[in-house]
Protein backbone atom coordinates (compact mmCIF):
# COMPACT_ATOMS: atom_id res chain seq x y z
CA MET A 1 -0.03 0.43 -0.28
CA LYS A 2 1.22 3.36 -0.93
CA ASN A 3 1.94 5.73 2.07
CA HIS A 4 1.54 9.20 0.28
CA TYR A 5 -1.16 10.77 -1.26
CA GLN A 6 -1.80 14.04 -3.11
CA VAL A 7 -5.36 14.35 -1.01
CA LEU A 8 -6.27 12.12 2.23
CA ILE A 9 -9.61 12.34 2.60
CA VAL A 10 -10.14 10.86 6.64
CA GLY A 11 -13.92 9.76 6.83
CA GLY A 12 -15.84 7.74 4.11
CA GLY A 13 -19.53 9.39 4.83
CA THR A 14 -21.62 11.51 2.64
CA ALA A 15 -19.08 14.21 2.89
CA GLY A 16 -15.94 12.89 2.73
CA ILE A 17 -17.27 10.67 -0.18
CA THR A 18 -19.15 13.85 -1.84
CA VAL A 19 -15.28 15.73 -1.75
CA ALA A 20 -13.88 12.56 -3.17
CA ALA A 21 -16.22 12.38 -6.40
CA GLN A 22 -15.60 15.90 -6.64
CA LEU A 23 -12.23 15.82 -7.25
CA ALA A 24 -12.15 12.57 -8.63
CA ASN A 25 -14.54 13.96 -11.50
CA SER A 26 -12.40 17.01 -12.03
CA ALA A 27 -9.96 17.97 -14.99
CA ASN A 28 -6.96 17.01 -13.13
CA PRO A 29 -7.84 14.81 -10.31
CA PRO A 30 -5.48 14.24 -7.89
CA GLU A 31 -4.03 11.11 -6.57
CA MET A 32 -6.30 10.43 -3.23
CA ALA A 33 -7.08 7.93 -0.78
CA ILE A 34 -9.77 8.16 2.24
CA ILE A 35 -9.59 6.38 5.42
CA GLU A 36 -12.97 4.55 6.79
CA PRO A 37 -12.90 1.86 8.87
CA SER A 38 -16.60 0.96 8.30
CA ASN A 39 -17.77 -1.73 5.94
CA LYS A 40 -21.47 0.04 5.56
CA HIS A 41 -22.31 3.47 4.54
CA TYR A 42 -25.44 4.93 5.96
CA TYR A 43 -27.59 7.56 4.56
CA GLN A 44 -28.65 8.97 8.32
CA PRO A 45 -31.44 11.59 7.18
CA LEU A 46 -33.51 8.43 6.50
CA TRP A 47 -33.52 7.46 9.88
CA THR A 48 -36.27 10.38 10.92
CA LEU A 49 -38.60 7.96 8.57
CA VAL A 50 -37.78 5.07 9.87
CA GLY A 51 -38.49 5.84 13.33
CA GLY A 52 -41.86 7.49 12.30
CA GLY A 53 -42.76 3.96 10.56
CA VAL A 54 -42.16 5.15 6.94
CA PHE A 55 -39.28 3.35 5.59
CA ASP A 56 -37.19 -0.23 6.87
CA ARG A 57 -34.13 0.91 8.45
CA ALA A 58 -32.36 -1.39 5.54
CA GLU A 59 -33.09 1.07 2.95
CA SER A 60 -30.30 3.32 4.66
CA GLU A 61 -28.12 0.29 4.54
CA ARG A 62 -25.33 0.26 1.59
CA ASN A 63 -21.97 -1.14 1.36
CA GLU A 64 -19.27 1.55 1.71
CA ALA A 65 -17.32 0.14 -1.06
CA ASP A 66 -19.63 0.78 -3.95
CA TYR A 67 -19.46 4.40 -2.66
CA ILE A 68 -15.77 4.27 -3.17
CA PRO A 69 -15.53 7.09 -6.43
CA ALA A 70 -13.26 4.96 -8.93
CA GLY A 71 -9.94 5.94 -9.21
CA VAL A 72 -9.89 6.81 -5.16
CA THR A 73 -8.24 4.42 -3.24
CA TRP A 74 -9.97 2.82 -0.22
CA ILE A 75 -7.96 2.94 3.28
CA GLN A 76 -10.00 0.38 5.47
CA ASP A 77 -8.60 1.19 9.04
CA LYS A 78 -8.79 3.94 12.11
CA VAL A 79 -6.73 7.30 12.40
CA ALA A 80 -4.79 7.08 15.34
CA SER A 81 -3.22 10.72 15.80
CA PHE A 82 -2.72 13.24 13.15
CA ASP A 83 1.33 14.97 13.00
CA PRO A 84 -0.30 17.88 10.41
CA ASP A 85 3.39 19.92 11.00
CA ASN A 86 4.73 16.77 9.00
CA ASN A 87 1.79 16.43 6.79
CA LYS A 88 0.96 13.15 7.90
CA LEU A 89 -0.96 10.96 10.22
CA SER A 90 -0.71 7.61 11.91
CA THR A 91 -3.27 4.98 11.28
CA ALA A 92 -4.47 2.14 13.81
CA SER A 93 -3.13 -0.44 11.63
CA SER A 94 -1.68 0.46 8.19
CA GLY A 95 1.33 2.94 9.45
CA ASP A 96 1.80 6.55 8.58
CA ILE A 97 0.77 7.96 5.61
CA SER A 98 1.81 11.33 4.58
CA TYR A 99 -0.31 13.71 2.42
CA ASP A 100 -0.27 16.89 0.05
CA TRP A 101 -3.25 17.95 1.44
CA LEU A 102 -5.75 16.57 4.01
CA VAL A 103 -9.63 16.69 4.16
CA VAL A 104 -10.85 15.96 7.56
CA ALA A 105 -14.66 14.66 7.17
CA ALA A 106 -14.93 12.38 10.07
CA GLY A 107 -18.82 13.35 11.30
CA LEU A 108 -19.73 13.57 15.06
CA GLN A 109 -19.03 11.20 17.84
CA ILE A 110 -22.21 10.26 19.92
CA ASP A 111 -21.68 10.24 23.40
CA TRP A 112 -24.36 8.31 25.02
CA HIS A 113 -22.39 7.78 27.99
CA LEU A 114 -22.96 11.41 29.20
CA ILE A 115 -26.18 10.47 30.65
CA PRO A 116 -26.48 8.06 33.26
CA GLY A 117 -28.81 5.29 32.70
CA LEU A 118 -28.74 6.24 28.41
CA LYS A 119 -26.69 3.90 27.11
CA GLU A 120 -27.79 0.62 28.89
CA SER A 121 -31.49 1.26 28.19
CA VAL A 122 -31.60 2.93 24.63
CA GLY A 123 -33.13 0.28 22.56
CA GLN A 124 -33.94 -1.97 25.09
CA PRO A 125 -37.36 -4.00 25.02
CA GLY A 126 -39.80 -2.64 28.21
CA THR A 127 -37.29 0.75 28.67
CA GLY A 128 -39.48 3.47 26.84
CA VAL A 129 -35.95 4.58 25.77
CA CYS A 130 -35.34 4.97 22.21
CA SER A 131 -33.27 7.00 19.65
CA ASN A 132 -32.84 7.36 15.77
CA TYR A 133 -29.55 8.14 16.09
CA SER A 134 -27.99 4.93 15.21
CA TYR A 135 -29.03 1.94 12.82
CA GLU A 136 -29.15 -0.41 15.82
CA THR A 137 -31.71 1.79 17.88
CA VAL A 138 -33.72 3.48 15.24
CA ASN A 139 -36.03 0.68 15.14
CA SER A 140 -37.01 0.96 18.97
CA THR A 141 -38.37 4.14 18.20
CA TRP A 142 -41.08 3.05 15.43
CA GLU A 143 -41.52 0.35 18.37
CA ASN A 144 -42.02 2.92 21.00
CA ILE A 145 -44.19 5.08 19.21
CA ARG A 146 -46.33 2.01 17.45
CA ASN A 147 -47.51 0.82 21.22
CA PHE A 148 -47.76 4.05 23.11
CA LYS A 149 -51.34 3.80 24.73
CA GLY A 150 -51.10 7.40 26.51
CA GLY A 151 -48.60 8.78 28.82
CA ASN A 152 -45.94 11.47 28.89
CA ALA A 153 -44.89 11.00 25.45
CA ILE A 154 -41.14 13.22 26.03
CA PHE A 155 -38.50 14.46 22.80
CA THR A 156 -35.10 16.26 23.88
CA GLN A 157 -32.66 17.92 22.64
CA PRO A 158 -28.83 19.12 24.13
CA ALA A 159 -27.26 21.44 24.31
CA THR A 160 -24.23 20.35 22.41
CA PRO A 161 -24.07 20.83 18.51
CA ILE A 162 -25.47 18.17 16.64
CA LYS A 163 -26.20 16.11 13.38
CA CYS A 164 -29.58 18.14 12.00
CA ALA A 165 -30.85 20.52 14.44
CA GLY A 166 -34.33 19.75 13.13
CA ALA A 167 -34.13 15.53 13.63
CA PRO A 168 -35.21 16.15 17.52
CA GLN A 169 -38.30 17.46 16.60
CA LYS A 170 -39.13 15.87 13.37
CA ILE A 171 -39.62 12.22 15.35
CA MET A 172 -41.71 14.46 17.39
CA TYR A 173 -43.74 15.92 14.80
CA LEU A 174 -44.01 12.02 13.25
CA ALA A 175 -45.08 10.83 17.03
CA ALA A 176 -47.68 13.25 17.58
CA ASP A 177 -49.34 12.58 14.19
CA HIS A 178 -49.48 8.99 14.93
CA PHE A 179 -50.72 9.23 17.74
CA ALA A 180 -53.82 11.66 16.78
CA LYS A 181 -54.25 8.69 13.97
CA GLN A 182 -54.80 6.32 16.87
CA GLY A 183 -56.95 8.60 18.62
CA ILE A 184 -55.10 8.71 21.87
CA MET A 185 -53.82 12.64 22.10
CA GLY A 186 -56.51 13.17 24.34
CA LYS A 187 -54.39 10.95 27.00
CA THR A 188 -51.30 12.09 25.95
CA ASN A 189 -48.73 14.78 26.62
CA VAL A 190 -46.07 15.55 24.33
CA ILE A 191 -43.22 17.25 25.89
CA PHE A 192 -40.16 18.53 23.91
CA GLY A 193 -37.29 19.18 26.24
CA ILE A 194 -34.89 21.53 24.46
CA ALA A 195 -31.76 23.21 25.75
CA ALA A 196 -31.96 25.85 23.39
CA GLY A 197 -33.99 29.07 24.12
CA VAL A 198 -35.87 29.05 20.31
CA ILE A 199 -37.41 26.05 18.43
CA PHE A 200 -35.17 26.47 15.92
CA GLY A 201 -32.30 29.04 15.03
CA VAL A 202 -33.84 30.55 11.87
CA LYS A 203 -36.47 32.94 12.37
CA LYS A 204 -38.65 32.13 9.32
CA TYR A 205 -38.65 28.44 9.92
CA ALA A 206 -39.21 28.87 14.31
CA ASP A 207 -42.07 31.21 13.38
CA THR A 208 -43.91 28.55 11.29
CA LEU A 209 -42.24 25.95 13.88
CA GLU A 210 -44.60 27.42 16.33
CA LYS A 211 -47.55 27.39 14.73
CA VAL A 212 -47.46 24.11 14.78
CA ILE A 213 -46.63 23.43 17.93
CA ALA A 214 -49.67 25.49 19.19
CA ARG A 215 -51.85 23.20 16.34
CA ARG A 216 -50.72 20.12 17.70
CA GLY A 217 -50.69 21.45 21.30
CA LEU A 218 -47.39 20.22 21.77
CA ASP A 219 -45.45 20.82 25.45
CA VAL A 220 -42.21 22.89 24.39
CA ARG A 221 -39.94 23.31 27.53
CA TYR A 222 -36.92 25.32 26.26
CA GLN A 223 -33.84 25.96 28.11
CA HIS A 224 -33.96 22.27 29.50
CA ASP A 225 -31.18 19.63 28.86
CA LEU A 226 -31.66 16.28 30.00
CA GLN A 227 -28.80 14.91 32.35
CA SER A 228 -29.92 11.32 33.75
CA LEU A 229 -32.33 8.77 33.54
CA ASP A 230 -34.19 6.51 35.93
CA VAL A 231 -35.21 3.52 33.88
CA ALA A 232 -36.73 1.55 36.38
CA ASN A 233 -39.43 4.07 37.48
CA ARG A 234 -39.41 5.72 34.34
CA LYS A 235 -37.75 8.96 35.53
CA ALA A 236 -35.93 12.18 32.92
CA THR A 237 -34.31 14.61 35.09
CA PHE A 238 -33.49 18.09 33.38
CA LYS A 239 -31.32 20.67 33.97
CA ASN A 240 -33.21 24.28 33.70
CA LEU A 241 -30.39 26.01 31.87
CA THR A 242 -31.76 29.49 33.32
CA SER A 243 -32.36 28.46 37.05
CA GLY A 244 -29.68 26.14 37.50
CA GLU A 245 -31.60 23.88 38.80
CA ASN A 246 -32.91 20.13 38.05
CA VAL A 247 -36.52 19.21 37.26
CA THR A 248 -37.34 15.81 37.19
CA TRP A 249 -40.58 14.52 34.61
CA ASP A 250 -42.16 11.37 34.34
CA TYR A 251 -42.17 9.15 31.18
CA ASP A 252 -43.94 6.47 29.46
CA MET A 253 -41.80 6.44 25.80
CA ILE A 254 -39.15 9.00 25.86
CA HIS A 255 -36.50 10.02 22.31
CA VAL A 256 -33.45 10.67 23.10
CA THR A 257 -31.03 13.03 21.13
CA PRO A 258 -27.75 12.43 22.86
CA PRO A 259 -24.57 14.67 23.34
CA MET A 260 -22.31 14.59 20.50
CA SER A 261 -19.18 15.92 19.79
CA ALA A 262 -15.94 15.89 18.33
CA PRO A 263 -14.54 12.55 17.78
CA ASP A 264 -11.68 12.12 20.82
CA PHE A 265 -9.07 11.42 18.10
CA ILE A 266 -9.37 15.05 16.87
CA LYS A 267 -10.34 16.47 20.01
CA GLN A 268 -6.55 15.25 20.93
CA SER A 269 -4.84 16.08 17.93
CA PRO A 270 -3.20 19.26 16.97
CA LEU A 271 -6.07 20.37 14.63
CA ALA A 272 -8.13 21.03 17.65
CA GLY A 273 -9.17 24.36 18.84
CA ALA A 274 -10.75 24.85 21.90
CA THR A 275 -13.69 23.37 22.00
CA GLY A 276 -12.16 20.17 20.17
CA TRP A 277 -13.63 20.75 17.44
CA VAL A 278 -11.26 20.89 14.03
CA ASP A 279 -10.19 24.39 14.16
CA VAL A 280 -11.33 25.93 11.01
CA ASP A 281 -11.62 29.32 9.42
CA ILE A 282 -16.04 29.56 9.50
CA HIS A 283 -16.44 30.96 6.12
CA THR A 284 -13.88 29.13 4.28
CA LEU A 285 -13.30 25.25 6.32
CA GLN A 286 -9.87 26.00 6.02
CA HIS A 287 -7.49 25.37 8.80
CA ASN A 288 -6.71 28.24 10.62
CA LYS A 289 -3.05 27.06 11.29
CA TYR A 290 -2.23 24.18 8.49
CA ALA A 291 -3.04 25.90 5.54
CA ASN A 292 -2.95 22.66 3.91
CA VAL A 293 -5.70 21.11 5.40
């Protein structure tokens, strides 16, 4: 295997593959490689509709090999560390690889462990805890919605950056629609515990969403961030970010959008800024220190 590429791409998800495909289709394509450990590629936007009972999760899964652009080398490995001062990185089992240009497209890390009670309960039968945020757990969302008979259905959105800011509430609207069709909204409280102070960051969309919330009779509780789950007693504890106090709500089902962060191998690298994310210019996405990243 070669140990140098003109363009080295870390991450074979939609972002990394798209960058590779665009460069591969250029008039003078560079010599490229994608570092991606997974055999499977997941079209994650579909998971909202899987959780809503519209699609089977298998529709979101493809073989990674089928999406590597022609002429691009796939290195099926994990990045262990970056050495941008020397234009190279280390992998778990393929040694050091150097580059002229580095593209970092590693996605977000799902931090299930940061919510006590979540990791061991999410997606497990009988817990009432579900999430659309992984292939392994997404089926549990529809199971919980489909079998819901009334009570408190809680949906959460954390204080951290997340994949798709609309996804935590999209599944809430799909669930509320199903509950209405089943005739159980009269004995159901649909609660959205959202850490932000607004329903969406773009005002024109937020204005429309607030009308949907009012029309559906949904209970949106702003500035509330999930802290822990007591699964045995079906209680969820949130921090009121305004007062700093913890409050506990009963749930019959709870869809959790977990906290997320930059992957650990990026947080611990010279590429990271103070918050752990790759330190880039927000307008160009070029690294603020390493111009070839």
